Amino acid sequence: MVQTVYVWKPIEDLPPNWMELASTELESLAGIWKSQAKKLHESDALKNFNEQLSREWAIETGIIENLYSIDRGTTQLLIEKGIETTLIPYGTT
């Protein structure tokens, strides 16, 4: 087994020519991002996504903290449909 060794080095400041490192493509990507963000805010898609993401974090935090143990399928169902006891199979802890 090959082991990789990393030597720590302090973070260095940007070089004096840091402006030359900037990508010209980022400006157009920012425009696309703003356009898509506006569309999302005008729909329920972003709200639904954030709700599902919050549920996922809550469920996975409980699993990490050993509060309960549920399989991935049940976890996914709870993320998509909401945290409801009727969705959890009998015997799941």
C-alpha atoms as a PDB file:
ATOM      1  CA  MET A   1       0.000   0.000   0.000  1.00  0.00           C
ATOM      2  CA  VAL A   2       1.425   3.359  -1.039  1.00  0.00           C
ATOM      3  CA  GLN A   3       1.011   6.105   1.518  1.00  0.00           C
ATOM      4  CA  THR A   4       0.971   9.706   0.388  1.00  0.00           C
ATOM      5  CA  VAL A   5       2.608  12.231   2.682  1.00  0.00           C
ATOM      6  CA  TYR A   6       1.601  15.864   2.576  1.00  0.00           C
ATOM      7  CA  VAL A   7       3.789  18.583   4.007  1.00  0.00           C
ATOM      8  CA  TRP A   8       1.888  21.521   5.460  1.00  0.00           C
ATOM      9  CA  LYS A   9       2.674  24.938   4.041  1.00  0.00           C
ATOM     10  CA  PRO A  10       1.138  28.225   5.153  1.00  0.00           C
ATOM     11  CA  ILE A  11      -1.390  29.860   2.860  1.00  0.00           C
ATOM     12  CA  GLU A  12       0.278  32.322   0.548  1.00  0.00           C
ATOM     13  CA  ASP A  13      -1.114  35.643  -0.585  1.00  0.00           C
ATOM     14  CA  LEU A  14      -2.198  36.043  -4.188  1.00  0.00           C
ATOM     15  CA  PRO A  15       0.555  36.999  -6.618  1.00  0.00           C
ATOM     16  CA  PRO A  16       0.798  40.638  -7.768  1.00  0.00           C
ATOM     17  CA  ASN A  17      -0.593  39.649 -11.191  1.00  0.00           C
ATOM     18  CA  TRP A  18      -3.733  38.067  -9.684  1.00  0.00           C
ATOM     19  CA  MET A  19      -6.012  39.868 -12.166  1.00  0.00           C
ATOM     20  CA  GLU A  20      -4.464  37.786 -14.955  1.00  0.00           C
ATOM     21  CA  LEU A  21      -5.754  34.663 -13.204  1.00  0.00           C
ATOM     22  CA  ALA A  22      -9.374  35.767 -13.617  1.00  0.00           C
ATOM     23  CA  SER A  23     -11.460  33.794 -16.081  1.00  0.00           C
ATOM     24  CA  THR A  24     -13.359  35.702 -18.743  1.00  0.00           C
ATOM     25  CA  GLU A  25     -15.975  32.937 -18.819  1.00  0.00           C
ATOM     26  CA  LEU A  26     -17.131  33.614 -15.272  1.00  0.00           C
ATOM     27  CA  GLU A  27     -18.908  36.818 -16.228  1.00  0.00           C
ATOM     28  CA  SER A  28     -21.185  35.048 -18.708  1.00  0.00           C
ATOM     29  CA  LEU A  29     -21.766  32.213 -16.233  1.00  0.00           C
ATOM     30  CA  ALA A  30     -22.791  34.748 -13.600  1.00  0.00           C
ATOM     31  CA  GLY A  31     -25.397  36.142 -15.993  1.00  0.00           C
ATOM     32  CA  ILE A  32     -26.813  32.685 -16.641  1.00  0.00           C
ATOM     33  CA  TRP A  33     -26.826  31.947 -12.905  1.00  0.00           C
ATOM     34  CA  LYS A  34     -28.748  35.163 -12.144  1.00  0.00           C
ATOM     35  CA  SER A  35     -31.280  34.384 -14.863  1.00  0.00           C
ATOM     36  CA  GLN A  36     -31.854  30.855 -13.568  1.00  0.00           C
ATOM     37  CA  ALA A  37     -32.022  32.063  -9.961  1.00  0.00           C
ATOM     38  CA  LYS A  38     -34.742  34.550 -10.922  1.00  0.00           C
ATOM     39  CA  LYS A  39     -36.754  31.788 -12.613  1.00  0.00           C
ATOM     40  CA  LEU A  40     -36.380  29.573  -9.548  1.00  0.00           C
ATOM     41  CA  HIS A  41     -37.504  32.295  -7.167  1.00  0.00           C
ATOM     42  CA  GLU A  42     -40.611  32.816  -9.287  1.00  0.00           C
ATOM     43  CA  SER A  43     -41.535  29.135  -8.994  1.00  0.00           C
ATOM     44  CA  ASP A  44     -41.963  26.689  -6.129  1.00  0.00           C
ATOM     45  CA  ALA A  45     -38.998  24.613  -7.314  1.00  0.00           C
ATOM     46  CA  LEU A  46     -36.452  26.372  -5.093  1.00  0.00           C
ATOM     47  CA  LYS A  47     -38.751  26.251  -2.062  1.00  0.00           C
ATOM     48  CA  ASN A  48     -39.387  22.525  -2.596  1.00  0.00           C
ATOM     49  CA  PHE A  49     -35.685  21.844  -3.091  1.00  0.00           C
ATOM     50  CA  ASN A  50     -34.753  23.683   0.109  1.00  0.00           C
ATOM     51  CA  GLU A  51     -37.451  21.842   2.080  1.00  0.00           C
ATOM     52  CA  GLN A  52     -36.169  18.472   0.851  1.00  0.00           C
ATOM     53  CA  LEU A  53     -32.576  19.472   1.559  1.00  0.00           C
ATOM     54  CA  SER A  54     -33.498  20.508   5.111  1.00  0.00           C
ATOM     55  CA  ARG A  55     -35.262  17.190   5.684  1.00  0.00           C
ATOM     56  CA  GLU A  56     -32.271  15.291   4.312  1.00  0.00           C
ATOM     57  CA  TRP A  57     -29.892  17.112   6.642  1.00  0.00           C
ATOM     58  CA  ALA A  58     -32.182  16.537   9.624  1.00  0.00           C
ATOM     59  CA  ILE A  59     -32.576  12.824   8.904  1.00  0.00           C
ATOM     60  CA  GLU A  60     -28.890  12.246   8.213  1.00  0.00           C
ATOM     61  CA  THR A  61     -27.911  14.195  11.340  1.00  0.00           C
ATOM     62  CA  GLY A  62     -30.122  11.867  13.380  1.00  0.00           C
ATOM     63  CA  ILE A  63     -28.467   8.860  11.768  1.00  0.00           C
ATOM     64  CA  ILE A  64     -24.975  10.242  12.461  1.00  0.00           C
ATOM     65  CA  GLU A  65     -25.937  10.928  16.086  1.00  0.00           C
ATOM     66  CA  ASN A  66     -27.227   7.331  16.378  1.00  0.00           C
ATOM     67  CA  LEU A  67     -30.718   8.548  17.269  1.00  0.00           C
ATOM     68  CA  TYR A  68     -32.203   6.039  14.854  1.00  0.00           C
ATOM     69  CA  SER A  69     -31.241   3.672  12.069  1.00  0.00           C
ATOM     70  CA  ILE A  70     -33.247   3.570   8.847  1.00  0.00           C
ATOM     71  CA  ASP A  71     -32.447   2.186   5.428  1.00  0.00           C
ATOM     72  CA  ARG A  72     -31.659   4.394   2.434  1.00  0.00           C
ATOM     73  CA  GLY A  73     -35.001   3.726   0.738  1.00  0.00           C
ATOM     74  CA  THR A  74     -36.980   4.901   3.760  1.00  0.00           C
ATOM     75  CA  THR A  75     -34.665   7.883   4.136  1.00  0.00           C
ATOM     76  CA  GLN A  76     -35.267   8.864   0.503  1.00  0.00           C
ATOM     77  CA  LEU A  77     -39.035   8.466   0.911  1.00  0.00           C
ATOM     78  CA  LEU A  78     -39.048  10.719   3.986  1.00  0.00           C
ATOM     79  CA  ILE A  79     -36.935  13.312   2.182  1.00  0.00           C
ATOM     80  CA  GLU A  80     -39.303  13.400  -0.793  1.00  0.00           C
ATOM     81  CA  LYS A  81     -42.671  13.097   0.978  1.00  0.00           C
ATOM     82  CA  GLY A  82     -41.987  14.688   4.348  1.00  0.00           C
ATOM     83  CA  ILE A  83     -41.268  13.331   7.778  1.00  0.00           C
ATOM     84  CA  GLU A  84     -44.433  11.399   8.596  1.00  0.00           C
ATOM     85  CA  THR A  85     -44.628   8.358  10.838  1.00  0.00           C
ATOM     86  CA  THR A  86     -47.035   6.647   8.432  1.00  0.00           C
ATOM     87  CA  LEU A  87     -44.207   6.409   5.878  1.00  0.00           C
ATOM     88  CA  ILE A  88     -41.852   4.566   8.236  1.00  0.00           C
ATOM     89  CA  PRO A  89     -42.196   0.766   8.075  1.00  0.00           C
ATOM     90  CA  TYR A  90     -43.021  -1.043  11.318  1.00  0.00           C
ATOM     91  CA  GLY A  91     -39.915  -2.162  13.168  1.00  0.00           C
ATOM     92  CA  THR A  92     -37.663   0.596  11.856  1.00  0.00           C
ATOM     93  CA  THR A  93     -35.813   2.318  14.668  1.00  0.00           C
END
